[in-house]
Amino acid sequence: MKNSVDVRALLTAYEKIKTLGTPVENGKQLDDITCTESYDGYSVSLSDGNVSVDVNFHNTYHFHTLNEDPDTVINQTTTDFHHNNETQIQAFLNKLNDLNTRY
């Protein structure tokens, strides 16, 4: 999974949620995915409550999973990958791909 995330697909999902989603406390929500953005617009986040991904300037990304410890963070430079988080992250990416297909 390392380095296999399509940042364009993440940003496409973000735009769809931002455009078609309903307002929630911190952003917009479509289906069970919430999107938020930084005050300056240089980073955006997508989350389903179990997994979130921050997409930053220059198309870098950073995943967080529920009950994360610092050794299980996955980003573009991580060389180790922990199976318990891979399942959650892959399920999250599947939700985003499904959202991109349906909308």
C-alpha atoms as a PDB file:
ATOM      1  CA  MET A   1       0.000   0.000   0.000  1.00  0.00           C
ATOM      2  CA  LYS A   2       2.921   2.334   0.604  1.00  0.00           C
ATOM      3  CA  ASN A   3       2.886   5.156  -1.956  1.00  0.00           C
ATOM      4  CA  SER A   4      -0.043   3.598  -3.823  1.00  0.00           C
ATOM      5  CA  VAL A   5      -2.658   6.205  -2.924  1.00  0.00           C
ATOM      6  CA  ASP A   6      -3.921   8.296  -5.824  1.00  0.00           C
ATOM      7  CA  VAL A   7      -3.925  11.846  -4.439  1.00  0.00           C
ATOM      8  CA  ARG A   8      -6.080  12.980  -7.348  1.00  0.00           C
ATOM      9  CA  ALA A   9      -8.804  10.518  -6.262  1.00  0.00           C
ATOM     10  CA  LEU A  10      -8.613  11.897  -2.713  1.00  0.00           C
ATOM     11  CA  LEU A  11      -8.987  15.453  -3.974  1.00  0.00           C
ATOM     12  CA  THR A  12     -11.820  14.459  -6.314  1.00  0.00           C
ATOM     13  CA  ALA A  13     -13.703  12.922  -3.394  1.00  0.00           C
ATOM     14  CA  TYR A  14     -13.035  16.048  -1.356  1.00  0.00           C
ATOM     15  CA  GLU A  15     -14.495  18.296  -4.076  1.00  0.00           C
ATOM     16  CA  LYS A  16     -17.583  16.092  -4.428  1.00  0.00           C
ATOM     17  CA  ILE A  17     -18.212  16.120  -0.688  1.00  0.00           C
ATOM     18  CA  LYS A  18     -17.620  19.866  -0.500  1.00  0.00           C
ATOM     19  CA  THR A  19     -20.007  20.510  -3.405  1.00  0.00           C
ATOM     20  CA  LEU A  20     -22.728  17.919  -2.795  1.00  0.00           C
ATOM     21  CA  GLY A  21     -22.470  17.330   0.949  1.00  0.00           C
ATOM     22  CA  THR A  22     -24.579  18.732   3.740  1.00  0.00           C
ATOM     23  CA  PRO A  23     -23.085  21.194   6.214  1.00  0.00           C
ATOM     24  CA  VAL A  24     -21.925  19.750   9.529  1.00  0.00           C
ATOM     25  CA  GLU A  25     -20.173  21.355  12.473  1.00  0.00           C
ATOM     26  CA  ASN A  26     -16.667  21.382  10.986  1.00  0.00           C
ATOM     27  CA  GLY A  27     -17.224  21.018   7.249  1.00  0.00           C
ATOM     28  CA  LYS A  28     -19.411  19.047   4.859  1.00  0.00           C
ATOM     29  CA  GLN A  29     -20.589  15.439   4.915  1.00  0.00           C
ATOM     30  CA  LEU A  30     -21.679  13.110   2.121  1.00  0.00           C
ATOM     31  CA  ASP A  31     -22.705   9.598   3.020  1.00  0.00           C
ATOM     32  CA  ASP A  32     -20.518   8.946   6.094  1.00  0.00           C
ATOM     33  CA  ILE A  33     -17.442  10.867   4.900  1.00  0.00           C
ATOM     34  CA  THR A  34     -16.721  14.327   6.294  1.00  0.00           C
ATOM     35  CA  CYS A  35     -14.400  16.842   4.686  1.00  0.00           C
ATOM     36  CA  THR A  36     -12.737  19.863   6.220  1.00  0.00           C
ATOM     37  CA  GLU A  37     -10.073  22.282   5.091  1.00  0.00           C
ATOM     38  CA  SER A  38      -7.487  24.426   6.798  1.00  0.00           C
ATOM     39  CA  TYR A  39      -8.149  28.140   7.136  1.00  0.00           C
ATOM     40  CA  ASP A  40      -5.628  28.900   4.393  1.00  0.00           C
ATOM     41  CA  GLY A  41      -6.826  26.147   2.030  1.00  0.00           C
ATOM     42  CA  TYR A  42      -3.433  24.445   1.844  1.00  0.00           C
ATOM     43  CA  SER A  43      -4.601  21.227   3.445  1.00  0.00           C
ATOM     44  CA  VAL A  44      -7.825  19.248   3.385  1.00  0.00           C
ATOM     45  CA  SER A  45      -9.009  16.294   5.452  1.00  0.00           C
ATOM     46  CA  LEU A  46     -11.376  13.432   4.806  1.00  0.00           C
ATOM     47  CA  SER A  47     -12.680  11.224   7.600  1.00  0.00           C
ATOM     48  CA  ASP A  48     -15.198   8.487   8.294  1.00  0.00           C
ATOM     49  CA  GLY A  49     -14.664   8.420  12.060  1.00  0.00           C
ATOM     50  CA  ASN A  50     -12.277   5.449  11.996  1.00  0.00           C
ATOM     51  CA  VAL A  51      -9.757   6.686   9.434  1.00  0.00           C
ATOM     52  CA  SER A  52      -8.822  10.163   8.329  1.00  0.00           C
ATOM     53  CA  VAL A  53      -6.422  11.394   5.723  1.00  0.00           C
ATOM     54  CA  ASP A  54      -4.850  14.829   5.520  1.00  0.00           C
ATOM     55  CA  VAL A  55      -3.866  15.960   2.041  1.00  0.00           C
ATOM     56  CA  ASN A  56      -1.343  18.756   2.191  1.00  0.00           C
ATOM     57  CA  PHE A  57       0.298  21.174  -0.163  1.00  0.00           C
ATOM     58  CA  HIS A  58       2.446  19.480  -2.836  1.00  0.00           C
ATOM     59  CA  ASN A  59       0.155  16.417  -2.727  1.00  0.00           C
ATOM     60  CA  THR A  60       1.607  14.833   0.383  1.00  0.00           C
ATOM     61  CA  TYR A  61      -0.792  12.821   2.527  1.00  0.00           C
ATOM     62  CA  HIS A  62      -0.947  11.455   6.030  1.00  0.00           C
ATOM     63  CA  PHE A  63      -3.318   8.773   7.331  1.00  0.00           C
ATOM     64  CA  HIS A  64      -4.577   8.496  10.893  1.00  0.00           C
ATOM     65  CA  THR A  65      -6.498   5.566  12.290  1.00  0.00           C
ATOM     66  CA  LEU A  66      -8.576   5.255  15.416  1.00  0.00           C
ATOM     67  CA  ASN A  67      -6.362   4.471  18.432  1.00  0.00           C
ATOM     68  CA  GLU A  68      -3.286   5.388  16.451  1.00  0.00           C
ATOM     69  CA  ASP A  69       0.133   5.227  17.973  1.00  0.00           C
ATOM     70  CA  PRO A  70       3.041   7.122  16.390  1.00  0.00           C
ATOM     71  CA  ASP A  71       4.625   3.970  15.014  1.00  0.00           C
ATOM     72  CA  THR A  72       1.561   3.146  12.905  1.00  0.00           C
ATOM     73  CA  VAL A  73       1.226   6.404  10.993  1.00  0.00           C
ATOM     74  CA  ILE A  74       1.217   5.907   7.254  1.00  0.00           C
ATOM     75  CA  ASN A  75       2.414   8.574   4.867  1.00  0.00           C
ATOM     76  CA  GLN A  76       4.479   8.842   1.735  1.00  0.00           C
ATOM     77  CA  THR A  77       7.763   8.166   3.489  1.00  0.00           C
ATOM     78  CA  THR A  78       6.775   5.358   5.827  1.00  0.00           C
ATOM     79  CA  THR A  79       8.739   2.192   5.202  1.00  0.00           C
ATOM     80  CA  ASP A  80       6.894  -0.059   7.646  1.00  0.00           C
ATOM     81  CA  PHE A  81       3.223  -0.904   7.403  1.00  0.00           C
ATOM     82  CA  HIS A  82       1.094  -2.452  10.127  1.00  0.00           C
ATOM     83  CA  HIS A  83      -1.595  -4.891   9.028  1.00  0.00           C
ATOM     84  CA  ASN A  84      -4.233  -3.846  11.570  1.00  0.00           C
ATOM     85  CA  ASN A  85      -4.315  -0.349  10.056  1.00  0.00           C
ATOM     86  CA  GLU A  86      -4.019  -1.475   6.455  1.00  0.00           C
ATOM     87  CA  THR A  87      -7.450  -3.078   6.632  1.00  0.00           C
ATOM     88  CA  GLN A  88      -9.054   0.098   8.000  1.00  0.00           C
ATOM     89  CA  ILE A  89      -7.288   2.325   5.496  1.00  0.00           C
ATOM     90  CA  GLN A  90      -8.140   0.103   2.543  1.00  0.00           C
ATOM     91  CA  ALA A  91     -11.818   0.053   3.592  1.00  0.00           C
ATOM     92  CA  PHE A  92     -11.734   3.858   3.801  1.00  0.00           C
ATOM     93  CA  LEU A  93     -10.144   4.156   0.353  1.00  0.00           C
ATOM     94  CA  ASN A  94     -12.812   1.815  -1.018  1.00  0.00           C
ATOM     95  CA  LYS A  95     -15.495   4.140   0.410  1.00  0.00           C
ATOM     96  CA  LEU A  96     -13.862   7.109  -1.300  1.00  0.00           C
ATOM     97  CA  ASN A  97     -13.619   5.237  -4.617  1.00  0.00           C
ATOM     98  CA  ASP A  98     -17.271   4.240  -4.311  1.00  0.00           C
ATOM     99  CA  LEU A  99     -18.229   7.843  -3.585  1.00  0.00           C
ATOM    100  CA  ASN A 100     -16.264   9.010  -6.648  1.00  0.00           C
ATOM    101  CA  THR A 101     -18.064   6.433  -8.790  1.00  0.00           C
ATOM    102  CA  ARG A 102     -21.578   7.187  -7.523  1.00  0.00           C
ATOM    103  CA  TYR A 103     -21.423  10.989  -7.679  1.00  0.00           C
END
